[in-house]
Protein backbone atom coordinates (compact mmCIF):
# COMPACT_ATOMS: atom_id res chain seq x y z
CA MET A 1 113.66 96.89 89.02
CA PRO A 2 114.35 93.25 90.46
CA VAL A 3 111.62 94.25 93.11
CA PHE A 4 109.20 94.36 90.33
CA TRP A 5 109.52 90.94 89.00
CA ILE A 6 109.77 89.33 92.49
CA ALA A 7 106.26 91.03 93.15
CA MET A 8 105.18 89.47 89.70
CA ALA A 9 106.36 86.08 90.52
CA ILE A 10 104.47 86.15 94.07
CA LEU A 11 101.45 87.51 92.16
CA GLY A 12 101.64 85.03 89.48
CA VAL A 13 102.27 81.61 92.20
CA GLY A 14 99.17 83.07 94.05
CA LEU A 15 97.21 83.16 90.75
CA ALA A 16 98.62 79.43 89.92
CA LEU A 17 97.50 78.33 93.70
CA LEU A 18 94.15 79.76 93.01
CA ILE A 19 93.31 78.24 89.64
CA ALA A 20 94.67 75.03 90.94
CA ASN A 21 92.62 74.69 93.91
CA HIS A 22 89.51 76.24 92.71
CA GLU A 23 87.40 72.97 93.15
CA ASN A 24 88.81 72.59 96.56
CA GLY A 25 88.16 76.07 97.80
CA ARG A 26 90.99 76.74 100.15
CA VAL A 27 94.71 77.41 99.75
CA PHE A 28 96.78 77.14 102.66
CA GLY A 29 93.84 76.64 105.19
CA LEU A 30 92.13 80.03 103.73
CA GLU A 31 89.06 79.95 101.93
CA ASN A 32 89.90 81.36 98.02
CA SER A 33 88.28 84.39 98.53
CA ALA A 34 90.53 85.54 101.81
CA PHE A 35 93.93 84.13 100.13
CA ALA A 36 93.03 86.38 96.97
CA ALA A 37 92.51 89.27 99.21
CA THR A 38 95.59 88.58 101.61
CA LEU A 39 97.72 88.27 98.43
CA TYR A 40 96.00 91.76 96.83
CA LEU A 41 96.55 93.64 99.92
CA GLY A 42 100.00 92.28 100.50
CA LEU A 43 101.30 93.40 97.28
CA TRP A 44 99.79 96.74 97.74
CA GLY A 45 101.42 97.01 101.27
CA ALA A 46 104.69 96.24 99.77
CA VAL A 47 104.41 98.86 97.05
CA LEU A 48 103.75 101.21 99.75
CA ILE A 49 106.54 100.06 101.99
CA LEU A 50 108.82 100.40 99.10
CA GLY A 51 107.78 103.64 97.84
CA ILE A 52 108.05 104.99 101.47
CA ALA A 53 111.66 103.32 102.23
CA GLY A 54 112.73 103.93 98.65
CA ARG A 55 112.07 107.86 99.06
CA TYR A 56 114.46 108.22 102.27
CA HIS A 57 118.13 107.89 102.59
CA ARG A 58 118.02 108.76 106.25
CA ARG A 59 116.18 106.35 108.60
CA GLY A 60 115.57 108.48 111.19
CA THR A 61 113.77 111.02 109.03
CA MET A 62 111.68 108.14 107.60
CA LEU A 63 110.95 106.75 111.00
CA ARG A 64 109.85 110.51 111.99
CA ASP A 65 107.54 110.81 109.46
CA LEU A 66 105.78 107.35 109.79
CA ALA A 67 105.36 108.12 113.23
CA PHE A 68 103.68 111.30 112.03
CA TRP A 69 101.37 109.65 109.99
CA ALA A 70 100.57 106.81 112.09
CA LEU A 71 99.62 109.55 115.02
CA LEU A 72 97.46 111.29 112.51
CA ILE A 73 95.49 108.15 111.19
CA LEU A 74 95.07 107.24 115.15
CA VAL A 75 93.99 110.38 115.95
CA LEU A 76 91.39 110.35 112.95
CA SER A 77 90.23 106.78 113.71
CA VAL A 78 89.69 107.55 117.44
CA ALA A 79 87.75 111.09 116.52
CA TYR A 80 85.67 108.92 114.13
CA ALA A 81 84.95 106.24 116.27
CA TYR A 82 83.96 108.89 119.16
CA ARG A 83 81.92 111.18 116.85
CA LEU A 84 78.53 110.87 118.24
CA ASP A 85 79.75 111.32 122.26
CA LEU A 86 81.96 114.22 121.06
CA ALA A 87 78.96 115.69 119.26
CA ALA A 88 76.82 115.19 122.33
CA PHE A 89 79.54 116.78 124.27
CA PHE A 90 80.05 119.84 122.39
CA GLY A 91 76.21 120.25 122.00
CA LEU A 92 76.10 119.83 118.10
């Protein structure tokens, strides 16, 4: 449960910085919208990583599964990026 409170504290500090610097328009050299997006996506990333890491007791199994998902995402991204070339190649 302390991980939850750490995440809430980070979110609270980020929100306080955004409220305090709303006139300035910048927090740590970033535009307010960029800082808010970084904070939001960073918290989602932390939830994802903690969910994955907390599920496995063996590090090797976790790394193997993460490598499989990374490879799957990479293959699908490349196929989508070259979808028009692949369609022309296969005559679709």
